[in-house]
Amino acid sequence: MVAAYTTDIPAFGGAWGKPYLIGPGTIHVAHTAHEHIPKDQLVASVDIYESLCRQLLA
């Protein structure tokens, strides 16, 4: 899906290559009174971030 929201990515000017926005939860409730992240997505995100860090440090 495509969603309109704000990010700092344009400030980097492509200095780090092609950017990706990833993370748990959904943009549909982000920064609202109903914001929440399902626990299974939060746990899975730890594995994703760990994998990314390992690949970047390799």
Protein backbone atom coordinates (compact mmCIF):
# COMPACT_ATOMS: atom_id res chain seq x y z
CA MET A 1 0.00 0.00 0.00
CA VAL A 2 1.04 3.60 -0.43
CA ALA A 3 0.53 6.07 2.41
CA ALA A 4 1.30 9.76 2.81
CA TYR A 5 3.35 10.54 5.90
CA THR A 6 6.50 12.36 6.94
CA THR A 7 9.99 10.86 7.14
CA ASP A 8 13.57 12.15 7.47
CA ILE A 9 14.71 10.14 4.45
CA PRO A 10 14.82 13.14 2.05
CA ALA A 11 17.27 14.86 4.42
CA PHE A 12 19.87 12.16 3.72
CA GLY A 13 19.95 12.99 0.01
CA GLY A 14 20.58 9.39 -1.02
CA ALA A 15 23.86 9.30 0.92
CA TRP A 16 23.13 5.77 2.17
CA GLY A 17 21.71 4.27 -1.01
CA LYS A 18 18.11 3.29 -1.59
CA PRO A 19 16.08 3.85 1.60
CA TYR A 20 13.47 1.50 3.01
CA LEU A 21 10.92 2.29 5.67
CA ILE A 22 10.27 -0.74 7.80
CA GLY A 23 8.90 -1.42 11.21
CA PRO A 24 6.13 -3.02 13.17
CA GLY A 25 2.58 -1.73 13.26
CA THR A 26 0.54 0.04 10.64
CA ILE A 27 0.61 3.59 9.35
CA HIS A 28 -3.20 3.61 9.63
CA VAL A 29 -3.04 4.09 13.41
CA ALA A 30 0.47 5.53 13.82
CA HIS A 31 0.57 8.72 15.89
CA THR A 32 -3.15 8.58 16.68
CA ALA A 33 -5.05 8.03 19.90
CA HIS A 34 -5.46 4.40 18.77
CA GLU A 35 -1.77 3.75 18.06
CA HIS A 36 -0.69 0.23 18.97
CA ILE A 37 1.70 -2.49 17.83
CA PRO A 38 0.69 -6.14 18.06
CA LYS A 39 3.11 -8.03 20.29
CA ASP A 40 3.93 -10.62 17.60
CA GLN A 41 4.94 -7.84 15.19
CA LEU A 42 7.10 -6.20 17.84
CA VAL A 43 8.89 -9.48 18.57
CA ALA A 44 9.35 -10.19 14.84
CA SER A 45 10.78 -6.70 14.30
CA VAL A 46 13.63 -7.47 16.72
CA ASP A 47 14.67 -10.35 14.45
CA ILE A 48 14.44 -8.14 11.36
CA TYR A 49 16.54 -5.36 12.91
CA GLU A 50 19.11 -7.87 14.19
CA SER A 51 19.41 -9.40 10.73
CA LEU A 52 19.82 -5.97 9.13
CA CYS A 53 22.55 -5.00 11.59
CA ARG A 54 24.42 -8.26 11.05
CA GLN A 55 24.31 -7.80 7.27
CA LEU A 56 25.46 -4.18 7.50
CA LEU A 57 28.33 -5.08 9.82
CA ALA A 58 29.48 -8.05 7.72
